[in-house]
Amino acid sequence: MANLQLGDTVPDFTQDSSEGEIKFYDWAGDSWVVLFSHPADYTPVCTTELGEVSRLKSEFDKRNAKVIALSVDDAESHKGWIGDINETQQTTVNYPILADSDNKVSDLYGMIHPNANAKLTVRTVFVIDPAKKLRLTITYPPSTGRNFEEILRVIDSLQLTDNYQVATPVNWKDGDDVVVVPSIPTEEAKQKFPKGVEEIKSYLRMTPQPNK
């Protein structure tokens, strides 16, 4: 079982899906990717999640992020489940669901946690950047539905902090003030961030979001 850690290059794979064969690196291209796993088709919590992601797809698109789900059932089963999702969640699933009946991708990405369930994938979210580096993982218990607004928030933070020497504080949302990274001296920060730098402590300096 893989033990993928932040900063690792994620493995490539070729696998069937609800939309045909997916060659992962080719499919991802130069986009960010949100890969999220499900224990099985026709599960109630995941039905609500897949519906929500289809509703939010335009938000992921704005961030140059592709979404792809995974379940251990086959593509035909996925197609039947998608019908239920569209009906019950009043939406249209508009992204692929990987068919991982052989557990190939689950094993590559370490989605089987034997002490939780030796046969089913845990419900993990992977955020992968265009360089195919793993930037975030969140693993949820089966009883708790995921918060995809939080996934969007993290992508906003990653894209901002990749491009500017800032970090995002607790509960940050796009447009809020950000933290100046500790490696920049305050005088240099004042030049770098002309909107102003507030020095609360020598190590805690805030500035308006630089790309707003």
C-alpha atoms as a PDB file:
ATOM      1  CA  MET A   1       0.000   0.000   0.000  1.00  0.00           C
ATOM      2  CA  ALA A   2       1.352   3.398  -0.961  1.00  0.00           C
ATOM      3  CA  ASN A   3       2.071   5.949   1.711  1.00  0.00           C
ATOM      4  CA  LEU A   4       1.744   9.124  -0.320  1.00  0.00           C
ATOM      5  CA  GLN A   5       2.983  12.235   1.448  1.00  0.00           C
ATOM      6  CA  LEU A   6       2.642  15.908   0.634  1.00  0.00           C
ATOM      7  CA  GLY A   7       5.092  16.919  -2.070  1.00  0.00           C
ATOM      8  CA  ASP A   8       5.317  13.418  -3.543  1.00  0.00           C
ATOM      9  CA  THR A   9       4.745  12.947  -7.262  1.00  0.00           C
ATOM     10  CA  VAL A  10       1.506  10.975  -7.499  1.00  0.00           C
ATOM     11  CA  PRO A  11       1.519   7.753  -9.518  1.00  0.00           C
ATOM     12  CA  ASP A  12       0.157   7.620 -13.042  1.00  0.00           C
ATOM     13  CA  PHE A  13      -2.378   4.953 -13.988  1.00  0.00           C
ATOM     14  CA  THR A  14      -4.718   3.809 -16.741  1.00  0.00           C
ATOM     15  CA  GLN A  15      -8.160   2.737 -15.536  1.00  0.00           C
ATOM     16  CA  ASP A  16     -11.717   2.359 -16.790  1.00  0.00           C
ATOM     17  CA  SER A  17     -14.298   4.945 -15.747  1.00  0.00           C
ATOM     18  CA  SER A  18     -17.906   5.989 -16.261  1.00  0.00           C
ATOM     19  CA  GLU A  19     -16.614   8.032 -19.233  1.00  0.00           C
ATOM     20  CA  GLY A  20     -14.300   5.378 -20.723  1.00  0.00           C
ATOM     21  CA  GLU A  21     -10.627   4.664 -20.205  1.00  0.00           C
ATOM     22  CA  ILE A  22      -8.679   7.331 -18.280  1.00  0.00           C
ATOM     23  CA  LYS A  23      -4.928   7.740 -18.689  1.00  0.00           C
ATOM     24  CA  PHE A  24      -4.509   9.846 -15.595  1.00  0.00           C
ATOM     25  CA  TYR A  25      -1.545  12.079 -16.466  1.00  0.00           C
ATOM     26  CA  ASP A  26      -2.901  12.695 -19.967  1.00  0.00           C
ATOM     27  CA  TRP A  27      -6.389  13.388 -18.611  1.00  0.00           C
ATOM     28  CA  ALA A  28      -5.041  15.771 -15.962  1.00  0.00           C
ATOM     29  CA  GLY A  29      -2.940  17.745 -18.442  1.00  0.00           C
ATOM     30  CA  ASP A  30      -1.791  21.029 -16.915  1.00  0.00           C
ATOM     31  CA  SER A  31      -4.756  21.286 -14.537  1.00  0.00           C
ATOM     32  CA  TRP A  32      -5.060  20.889 -10.809  1.00  0.00           C
ATOM     33  CA  VAL A  33      -6.913  17.684  -9.915  1.00  0.00           C
ATOM     34  CA  VAL A  34      -9.268  16.771  -7.086  1.00  0.00           C
ATOM     35  CA  LEU A  35      -9.421  12.958  -6.794  1.00  0.00           C
ATOM     36  CA  PHE A  36     -11.906  11.745  -4.199  1.00  0.00           C
ATOM     37  CA  SER A  37     -12.670   8.151  -3.290  1.00  0.00           C
ATOM     38  CA  HIS A  38     -15.839   6.344  -2.251  1.00  0.00           C
ATOM     39  CA  PRO A  39     -16.257   2.977  -0.544  1.00  0.00           C
ATOM     40  CA  ALA A  40     -18.894   1.704  -2.986  1.00  0.00           C
ATOM     41  CA  ASP A  41     -21.671   2.703  -5.365  1.00  0.00           C
ATOM     42  CA  TYR A  42     -25.210   3.231  -4.077  1.00  0.00           C
ATOM     43  CA  THR A  43     -24.016   4.558  -0.714  1.00  0.00           C
ATOM     44  CA  PRO A  44     -26.128   7.369   0.766  1.00  0.00           C
ATOM     45  CA  VAL A  45     -23.512   9.874   1.984  1.00  0.00           C
ATOM     46  CA  CYS A  46     -21.487   9.577  -1.216  1.00  0.00           C
ATOM     47  CA  THR A  47     -24.626  10.071  -3.312  1.00  0.00           C
ATOM     48  CA  THR A  48     -25.033  13.514  -1.750  1.00  0.00           C
ATOM     49  CA  GLU A  49     -21.322  14.276  -2.224  1.00  0.00           C
ATOM     50  CA  LEU A  50     -21.226  13.399  -5.912  1.00  0.00           C
ATOM     51  CA  GLY A  51     -24.279  15.587  -6.451  1.00  0.00           C
ATOM     52  CA  GLU A  52     -22.656  18.518  -4.672  1.00  0.00           C
ATOM     53  CA  VAL A  53     -19.434  18.218  -6.682  1.00  0.00           C
ATOM     54  CA  SER A  54     -21.415  18.295  -9.936  1.00  0.00           C
ATOM     55  CA  ARG A  55     -23.128  21.495  -8.741  1.00  0.00           C
ATOM     56  CA  LEU A  56     -19.750  23.019  -7.844  1.00  0.00           C
ATOM     57  CA  LYS A  57     -17.974  21.942 -11.028  1.00  0.00           C
ATOM     58  CA  SER A  58     -18.024  25.462 -12.485  1.00  0.00           C
ATOM     59  CA  GLU A  59     -16.206  26.663  -9.335  1.00  0.00           C
ATOM     60  CA  PHE A  60     -13.528  24.011  -9.819  1.00  0.00           C
ATOM     61  CA  ASP A  61     -13.319  24.971 -13.508  1.00  0.00           C
ATOM     62  CA  LYS A  62     -12.644  28.616 -12.536  1.00  0.00           C
ATOM     63  CA  ARG A  63      -9.623  27.390 -10.573  1.00  0.00           C
ATOM     64  CA  ASN A  64      -8.290  25.239 -13.446  1.00  0.00           C
ATOM     65  CA  ALA A  65      -9.146  22.157 -11.351  1.00  0.00           C
ATOM     66  CA  LYS A  66     -10.559  18.910 -12.745  1.00  0.00           C
ATOM     67  CA  VAL A  67     -12.585  16.607 -10.493  1.00  0.00           C
ATOM     68  CA  ILE A  68     -12.585  12.812 -10.644  1.00  0.00           C
ATOM     69  CA  ALA A  69     -14.214  10.330  -8.280  1.00  0.00           C
ATOM     70  CA  LEU A  70     -13.285   6.712  -7.571  1.00  0.00           C
ATOM     71  CA  SER A  71     -15.330   3.756  -6.403  1.00  0.00           C
ATOM     72  CA  VAL A  72     -14.417   0.076  -6.309  1.00  0.00           C
ATOM     73  CA  ASP A  73     -17.417  -0.951  -8.421  1.00  0.00           C
ATOM     74  CA  ASP A  74     -17.350  -1.304 -12.214  1.00  0.00           C
ATOM     75  CA  ALA A  75     -18.258   1.272 -14.846  1.00  0.00           C
ATOM     76  CA  GLU A  76     -21.701  -0.221 -15.551  1.00  0.00           C
ATOM     77  CA  SER A  77     -22.571   0.021 -11.866  1.00  0.00           C
ATOM     78  CA  HIS A  78     -21.349   3.623 -11.876  1.00  0.00           C
ATOM     79  CA  LYS A  79     -23.693   4.483 -14.740  1.00  0.00           C
ATOM     80  CA  GLY A  80     -26.684   3.141 -12.816  1.00  0.00           C
ATOM     81  CA  TRP A  81     -25.612   5.025  -9.689  1.00  0.00           C
ATOM     82  CA  ILE A  82     -25.181   8.249 -11.676  1.00  0.00           C
ATOM     83  CA  GLY A  83     -28.852   7.939 -12.691  1.00  0.00           C
ATOM     84  CA  ASP A  84     -29.823   7.806  -9.014  1.00  0.00           C
ATOM     85  CA  ILE A  85     -27.537  10.750  -8.154  1.00  0.00           C
ATOM     86  CA  ASN A  86     -28.997  12.901 -10.930  1.00  0.00           C
ATOM     87  CA  GLU A  87     -32.541  12.023  -9.838  1.00  0.00           C
ATOM     88  CA  THR A  88     -32.160  12.432  -6.070  1.00  0.00           C
ATOM     89  CA  GLN A  89     -29.765  15.399  -6.031  1.00  0.00           C
ATOM     90  CA  GLN A  90     -31.460  17.308  -8.888  1.00  0.00           C
ATOM     91  CA  THR A  91     -28.207  17.630 -10.785  1.00  0.00           C
ATOM     92  CA  THR A  92     -26.221  16.081 -13.638  1.00  0.00           C
ATOM     93  CA  VAL A  93     -22.947  14.313 -12.843  1.00  0.00           C
ATOM     94  CA  ASN A  94     -20.499  16.002 -15.214  1.00  0.00           C
ATOM     95  CA  TYR A  95     -17.148  14.351 -14.417  1.00  0.00           C
ATOM     96  CA  PRO A  96     -15.780  10.788 -14.494  1.00  0.00           C
ATOM     97  CA  ILE A  97     -15.968   8.133 -11.780  1.00  0.00           C
ATOM     98  CA  LEU A  98     -13.047   5.702 -11.907  1.00  0.00           C
ATOM     99  CA  ALA A  99     -14.012   2.027 -11.864  1.00  0.00           C
ATOM    100  CA  ASP A 100     -11.485   0.487  -9.484  1.00  0.00           C
ATOM    101  CA  SER A 101     -12.850  -3.047  -9.086  1.00  0.00           C
ATOM    102  CA  ASP A 102      -9.299  -4.456  -9.139  1.00  0.00           C
ATOM    103  CA  ASN A 103      -8.163  -1.950  -6.453  1.00  0.00           C
ATOM    104  CA  LYS A 104      -5.284  -0.867  -8.706  1.00  0.00           C
ATOM    105  CA  VAL A 105      -5.685   2.848  -8.049  1.00  0.00           C
ATOM    106  CA  SER A 106      -6.768   2.285  -4.429  1.00  0.00           C
ATOM    107  CA  ASP A 107      -3.513   0.445  -3.766  1.00  0.00           C
ATOM    108  CA  LEU A 108      -1.384   2.984  -5.653  1.00  0.00           C
ATOM    109  CA  TYR A 109      -2.845   5.834  -3.602  1.00  0.00           C
ATOM    110  CA  GLY A 110      -3.145   4.034  -0.265  1.00  0.00           C
ATOM    111  CA  MET A 111      -6.930   4.207  -0.106  1.00  0.00           C
ATOM    112  CA  ILE A 112      -7.402   0.889   1.676  1.00  0.00           C
ATOM    113  CA  HIS A 113      -7.011   1.235   5.457  1.00  0.00           C
ATOM    114  CA  PRO A 114      -7.184  -2.371   6.716  1.00  0.00           C
ATOM    115  CA  ASN A 115      -8.089  -1.478  10.303  1.00  0.00           C
ATOM    116  CA  ALA A 116     -11.084   0.514   9.050  1.00  0.00           C
ATOM    117  CA  ASN A 117     -12.179  -1.995   6.408  1.00  0.00           C
ATOM    118  CA  ALA A 118      -9.869  -4.337   4.521  1.00  0.00           C
ATOM    119  CA  LYS A 119     -12.100  -4.389   1.434  1.00  0.00           C
ATOM    120  CA  LEU A 120     -13.400  -0.854   1.013  1.00  0.00           C
ATOM    121  CA  THR A 121     -11.640   2.379   0.143  1.00  0.00           C
ATOM    122  CA  VAL A 122     -11.658   5.103   2.763  1.00  0.00           C
ATOM    123  CA  ARG A 123     -13.150   8.451   1.780  1.00  0.00           C
ATOM    124  CA  THR A 124     -10.059  10.478   0.965  1.00  0.00           C
ATOM    125  CA  VAL A 125      -9.615  13.699  -0.996  1.00  0.00           C
ATOM    126  CA  PHE A 126      -6.367  14.249  -2.896  1.00  0.00           C
ATOM    127  CA  VAL A 127      -5.526  17.681  -4.312  1.00  0.00           C
ATOM    128  CA  ILE A 128      -2.821  17.383  -6.970  1.00  0.00           C
ATOM    129  CA  ASP A 129      -1.107  20.319  -8.670  1.00  0.00           C
ATOM    130  CA  PRO A 130      -0.237  20.640 -12.396  1.00  0.00           C
ATOM    131  CA  ALA A 131       3.260  19.250 -11.708  1.00  0.00           C
ATOM    132  CA  LYS A 132       1.516  16.059 -10.409  1.00  0.00           C
ATOM    133  CA  LYS A 133       2.623  16.801  -6.842  1.00  0.00           C
ATOM    134  CA  LEU A 134       0.339  15.904  -3.950  1.00  0.00           C
ATOM    135  CA  ARG A 135      -0.614  19.121  -2.152  1.00  0.00           C
ATOM    136  CA  LEU A 136      -3.435  18.049   0.220  1.00  0.00           C
ATOM    137  CA  THR A 137      -5.016  14.909   1.617  1.00  0.00           C
ATOM    138  CA  ILE A 138      -8.066  14.764   3.875  1.00  0.00           C
ATOM    139  CA  THR A 139      -9.502  11.414   4.972  1.00  0.00           C
ATOM    140  CA  TYR A 140     -13.026  11.255   6.352  1.00  0.00           C
ATOM    141  CA  PRO A 141     -14.857   8.532   8.269  1.00  0.00           C
ATOM    142  CA  PRO A 142     -17.777   6.889   6.426  1.00  0.00           C
ATOM    143  CA  SER A 143     -20.366   8.625   8.578  1.00  0.00           C
ATOM    144  CA  THR A 144     -19.288  12.208   7.823  1.00  0.00           C
ATOM    145  CA  GLY A 145     -19.975  13.877   4.494  1.00  0.00           C
ATOM    146  CA  ARG A 146     -17.160  15.937   3.047  1.00  0.00           C
ATOM    147  CA  ASN A 147     -17.159  19.733   2.853  1.00  0.00           C
ATOM    148  CA  PHE A 148     -16.263  20.610  -0.741  1.00  0.00           C
ATOM    149  CA  GLU A 149     -16.413  24.346  -0.030  1.00  0.00           C
ATOM    150  CA  GLU A 150     -13.350  23.649   2.135  1.00  0.00           C
ATOM    151  CA  ILE A 151     -11.631  21.909  -0.793  1.00  0.00           C
ATOM    152  CA  LEU A 152     -12.239  25.001  -2.952  1.00  0.00           C
ATOM    153  CA  ARG A 153     -10.897  27.203  -0.140  1.00  0.00           C
ATOM    154  CA  VAL A 154      -7.701  25.140   0.066  1.00  0.00           C
ATOM    155  CA  ILE A 155      -7.179  25.330  -3.702  1.00  0.00           C
ATOM    156  CA  ASP A 156      -7.573  29.136  -3.486  1.00  0.00           C
ATOM    157  CA  SER A 157      -4.960  29.191  -0.718  1.00  0.00           C
ATOM    158  CA  LEU A 158      -2.521  26.912  -2.558  1.00  0.00           C
ATOM    159  CA  GLN A 159      -2.768  28.895  -5.784  1.00  0.00           C
ATOM    160  CA  LEU A 160      -2.316  32.196  -3.945  1.00  0.00           C
ATOM    161  CA  THR A 161       0.591  31.080  -1.774  1.00  0.00           C
ATOM    162  CA  ASP A 162       2.359  29.420  -4.728  1.00  0.00           C
ATOM    163  CA  ASN A 163       2.500  32.806  -6.458  1.00  0.00           C
ATOM    164  CA  TYR A 164       3.138  35.214  -3.561  1.00  0.00           C
ATOM    165  CA  GLN A 165       5.265  34.988  -0.431  1.00  0.00           C
ATOM    166  CA  VAL A 166       2.274  34.765   1.869  1.00  0.00           C
ATOM    167  CA  ALA A 167       0.380  32.183   3.908  1.00  0.00           C
ATOM    168  CA  THR A 168      -3.310  32.120   4.769  1.00  0.00           C
ATOM    169  CA  PRO A 169      -4.480  32.346   8.397  1.00  0.00           C
ATOM    170  CA  VAL A 170      -7.211  30.467  10.215  1.00  0.00           C
ATOM    171  CA  ASN A 171     -10.610  30.444   8.474  1.00  0.00           C
ATOM    172  CA  TRP A 172      -9.193  32.508   5.601  1.00  0.00           C
ATOM    173  CA  LYS A 173     -11.394  33.006   2.560  1.00  0.00           C
ATOM    174  CA  ASP A 174     -10.515  34.532  -0.802  1.00  0.00           C
ATOM    175  CA  GLY A 175     -10.285  38.306  -0.313  1.00  0.00           C
ATOM    176  CA  ASP A 176      -9.297  38.231   3.377  1.00  0.00           C
ATOM    177  CA  ASP A 177      -5.983  39.537   4.712  1.00  0.00           C
ATOM    178  CA  VAL A 178      -3.036  37.147   4.534  1.00  0.00           C
ATOM    179  CA  VAL A 179       0.118  36.450   6.533  1.00  0.00           C
ATOM    180  CA  VAL A 180       3.546  37.607   5.344  1.00  0.00           C
ATOM    181  CA  VAL A 181       5.867  34.576   5.453  1.00  0.00           C
ATOM    182  CA  PRO A 182       8.488  34.755   8.239  1.00  0.00           C
ATOM    183  CA  SER A 183      11.429  34.585   5.812  1.00  0.00           C
ATOM    184  CA  ILE A 184      10.783  38.142   4.560  1.00  0.00           C
ATOM    185  CA  PRO A 185      12.105  40.952   6.816  1.00  0.00           C
ATOM    186  CA  THR A 186       9.490  43.573   7.640  1.00  0.00           C
ATOM    187  CA  GLU A 187      11.170  46.399   5.716  1.00  0.00           C
ATOM    188  CA  GLU A 188      11.402  44.227   2.622  1.00  0.00           C
ATOM    189  CA  ALA A 189       7.786  43.143   3.119  1.00  0.00           C
ATOM    190  CA  LYS A 190       6.644  46.790   3.151  1.00  0.00           C
ATOM    191  CA  GLN A 191       8.205  47.251  -0.287  1.00  0.00           C
ATOM    192  CA  LYS A 192       6.935  43.942  -1.600  1.00  0.00           C
ATOM    193  CA  PHE A 193       3.372  44.515  -0.366  1.00  0.00           C
ATOM    194  CA  PRO A 194       2.555  48.173  -1.116  1.00  0.00           C
ATOM    195  CA  LYS A 195      -1.016  47.841   0.207  1.00  0.00           C
ATOM    196  CA  GLY A 196       0.512  47.889   3.694  1.00  0.00           C
ATOM    197  CA  VAL A 197       1.966  45.524   6.286  1.00  0.00           C
ATOM    198  CA  GLU A 198       0.597  45.398   9.834  1.00  0.00           C
ATOM    199  CA  GLU A 199       3.185  44.106  12.304  1.00  0.00           C
ATOM    200  CA  ILE A 200       1.255  42.518  15.182  1.00  0.00           C
ATOM    201  CA  LYS A 201       4.353  40.672  16.398  1.00  0.00           C
ATOM    202  CA  SER A 202       7.739  40.446  14.729  1.00  0.00           C
ATOM    203  CA  TYR A 203       6.721  36.999  13.439  1.00  0.00           C
ATOM    204  CA  LEU A 204       3.038  37.835  12.755  1.00  0.00           C
ATOM    205  CA  ARG A 205       2.595  40.368   9.963  1.00  0.00           C
ATOM    206  CA  MET A 206      -0.630  40.793   7.973  1.00  0.00           C
ATOM    207  CA  THR A 207      -1.197  42.340   4.560  1.00  0.00           C
ATOM    208  CA  PRO A 208      -4.195  42.659   2.238  1.00  0.00           C
ATOM    209  CA  GLN A 209      -4.418  39.827  -0.277  1.00  0.00           C
ATOM    210  CA  PRO A 210      -1.921  40.892  -2.959  1.00  0.00           C
ATOM    211  CA  ASN A 211      -3.862  39.765  -6.040  1.00  0.00           C
ATOM    212  CA  LYS A 212      -7.099  41.571  -5.158  1.00  0.00           C
END
